[in-house]
């Protein structure tokens, strides 16, 4: 029973910190463009250009 007096406030603090991190990232625009980076990866051209002599 004494463990609950420690674990319940500790879990509430962990949830509050996780929510603060999530909403902070959301407010800063971290999740605005979820489709752009995967499409840029597919369109990336990694071919080696021919050497000019």
Protein backbone atom coordinates (compact mmCIF):
# COMPACT_ATOMS: atom_id res chain seq x y z
CA UNK A 1 0.00 0.00 0.00
CA UNK A 2 2.88 2.36 0.73
CA UNK A 3 4.18 1.80 -2.80
CA UNK A 4 0.99 3.29 -4.24
CA UNK A 5 1.69 6.56 -2.44
CA UNK A 6 4.88 6.77 -4.49
CA UNK A 7 3.78 5.18 -7.77
CA UNK A 8 0.56 7.11 -8.39
CA UNK A 9 2.12 10.61 -8.13
CA UNK A 10 5.16 9.39 -10.05
CA UNK A 11 2.98 8.05 -12.88
CA UNK A 12 1.02 11.31 -12.99
CA UNK A 13 4.28 13.23 -13.30
CA UNK A 14 5.45 10.94 -16.12
CA UNK A 15 2.16 11.39 -18.00
CA UNK A 16 2.32 15.16 -17.54
CA UNK A 17 5.91 15.31 -18.86
CA UNK A 18 5.01 13.11 -21.86
CA UNK A 19 2.00 15.32 -22.63
CA UNK A 20 4.10 18.46 -22.32
CA UNK A 21 6.70 17.05 -24.73
CA UNK A 22 4.03 15.94 -27.23
CA UNK A 23 2.11 19.22 -27.21
CA UNK A 24 5.35 21.20 -27.34
CA UNK A 25 6.40 19.30 -30.45
CA UNK A 26 2.95 19.72 -31.94
CA UNK A 27 2.94 23.48 -31.34
CA UNK A 28 6.39 23.88 -32.89
CA UNK A 29 5.23 22.28 -36.16
CA UNK A 30 7.03 18.97 -35.76
CA UNK A 31 4.07 17.01 -37.20
CA UNK A 32 3.00 19.42 -39.97
CA UNK A 33 4.44 17.65 -43.02
CA UNK A 34 4.29 13.87 -42.61
CA UNK A 35 4.27 13.07 -46.35
CA UNK A 36 7.16 15.22 -47.58
CA UNK A 37 10.21 13.42 -46.17
CA UNK A 38 9.23 9.91 -47.41
CA UNK A 39 8.51 11.28 -50.88
CA UNK A 40 11.82 13.18 -50.96
CA UNK A 41 13.60 9.96 -50.08
CA UNK A 42 12.01 8.19 -53.05
CA UNK A 43 12.85 11.04 -55.43
CA UNK A 44 16.47 11.30 -54.29
CA UNK A 45 18.92 10.66 -57.12
CA UNK A 46 22.01 8.89 -55.82
CA UNK A 47 23.42 7.99 -59.22
CA UNK A 48 27.03 8.88 -59.86
CA UNK A 49 27.43 11.40 -62.69
CA UNK A 50 29.71 10.31 -65.56
CA UNK A 51 33.30 11.53 -65.34
CA UNK A 52 34.41 14.09 -67.85
CA UNK A 53 37.92 13.50 -69.27
